[in-house]
């Protein structure tokens, strides 16, 4: 029994982010190996490449959520806070460079 009625009740009552967390935890309890299989498949697709172009470099790739968060943390540490007159967002390419 998967307790679908419980999940339906929660879907009606919880905000989306909380429901998403609940479903992930429920799925991990229902099939603990599924999460590991999904992570392994995602890791197999990971790549990060830096390619020289005529006038610079192109950076591209795919990272798992966990690995991307490590990269995000490193970039945020280097970028730091912005100056009072800097209107660019943290995600803005020029600011990150």
Protein backbone atom coordinates (compact mmCIF):
# COMPACT_ATOMS: atom_id res chain seq x y z
CA UNK A 1 0.00 0.00 0.00
CA UNK A 2 1.47 3.34 -1.06
CA UNK A 3 -0.95 5.51 0.92
CA UNK A 4 -2.01 7.63 -2.04
CA UNK A 5 -4.90 9.13 -0.09
CA UNK A 6 -2.44 10.58 2.45
CA UNK A 7 -0.41 12.15 -0.37
CA UNK A 8 -3.52 13.58 -2.01
CA UNK A 9 -4.62 15.15 1.29
CA UNK A 10 -1.16 16.66 1.74
CA UNK A 11 -1.15 17.95 -1.84
CA UNK A 12 -4.31 19.90 -1.08
CA UNK A 13 -3.07 21.27 2.25
CA UNK A 14 0.66 21.97 1.88
CA UNK A 15 2.47 24.71 -0.03
CA UNK A 16 4.23 23.40 -3.14
CA UNK A 17 7.76 23.43 -1.70
CA UNK A 18 6.72 21.58 1.45
CA UNK A 19 4.78 19.03 -0.58
CA UNK A 20 7.77 18.50 -2.88
CA UNK A 21 9.95 17.79 0.18
CA UNK A 22 7.34 15.40 1.59
CA UNK A 23 7.08 13.49 -1.69
CA UNK A 24 10.86 13.15 -1.99
CA UNK A 25 11.08 11.76 1.53
CA UNK A 26 8.08 9.49 0.94
CA UNK A 27 9.61 8.18 -2.31
CA UNK A 28 12.96 7.56 -0.62
CA UNK A 29 11.21 5.54 2.10
CA UNK A 30 9.07 3.63 -0.42
CA UNK A 31 12.00 2.76 -2.71
CA UNK A 32 15.35 3.63 -1.09
CA UNK A 33 17.35 2.38 -4.08
CA UNK A 34 15.53 4.64 -6.56
CA UNK A 35 17.21 7.79 -5.30
CA UNK A 36 20.64 6.21 -5.57
CA UNK A 37 19.88 4.99 -9.12
CA UNK A 38 18.76 8.47 -10.14
CA UNK A 39 21.86 10.07 -8.66
CA UNK A 40 24.12 7.53 -10.36
CA UNK A 41 22.46 8.24 -13.74
CA UNK A 42 22.84 11.98 -13.21
CA UNK A 43 26.51 11.59 -12.30
CA UNK A 44 27.08 9.64 -15.50
CA UNK A 45 25.75 12.64 -17.48
CA UNK A 46 27.93 15.18 -15.66
CA UNK A 47 30.50 17.07 -17.63
CA UNK A 48 32.28 20.39 -17.48
CA UNK A 49 34.18 21.71 -20.45
CA UNK A 50 36.20 24.79 -21.16
CA UNK A 51 36.69 25.34 -24.89
CA UNK A 52 39.02 27.87 -26.47
CA UNK A 53 37.31 30.05 -29.07
CA UNK A 54 38.72 32.70 -31.40
CA UNK A 55 38.19 35.52 -28.93
CA UNK A 56 37.97 33.82 -25.55
CA UNK A 57 36.67 30.68 -23.90
CA UNK A 58 33.30 28.98 -23.71
CA UNK A 59 32.31 27.23 -20.48
CA UNK A 60 29.56 24.62 -20.54
CA UNK A 61 28.40 21.57 -18.73
CA UNK A 62 25.92 19.71 -16.59
CA UNK A 63 26.30 19.08 -12.85
CA UNK A 64 24.13 17.25 -10.33
CA UNK A 65 22.35 19.48 -7.84
CA UNK A 66 24.81 18.54 -5.12
CA UNK A 67 27.86 19.26 -7.25
CA UNK A 68 26.36 22.45 -8.68
CA UNK A 69 25.73 23.75 -5.15
CA UNK A 70 29.43 23.29 -4.37
CA UNK A 71 30.31 25.29 -7.49
CA UNK A 72 27.67 27.93 -6.63
CA UNK A 73 29.13 28.31 -3.13
CA UNK A 74 32.64 28.74 -4.53
CA UNK A 75 31.48 31.36 -7.05
CA UNK A 76 29.53 33.25 -4.38
CA UNK A 77 32.59 33.29 -2.13
CA UNK A 78 34.72 34.79 -4.90
CA UNK A 79 32.11 37.27 -6.12
CA UNK A 80 31.29 38.51 -2.62
CA UNK A 81 28.97 41.40 -1.94
CA UNK A 82 28.32 44.05 -4.53
CA UNK A 83 29.28 47.71 -4.37
CA UNK A 84 26.56 50.29 -3.67
CA UNK A 85 26.53 51.48 -7.28
CA UNK A 86 26.65 47.99 -8.87
CA UNK A 87 23.20 47.17 -10.24
CA UNK A 88 24.18 43.81 -11.74
CA UNK A 89 22.82 40.66 -10.11
CA UNK A 90 25.07 37.90 -8.75
CA UNK A 91 24.11 35.74 -11.72
CA UNK A 92 25.18 38.40 -14.21
CA UNK A 93 28.06 37.00 -16.26
CA UNK A 94 30.22 40.14 -16.15
CA UNK A 95 29.94 40.30 -12.37
CA UNK A 96 30.93 36.66 -11.97
CA UNK A 97 33.98 37.12 -14.18
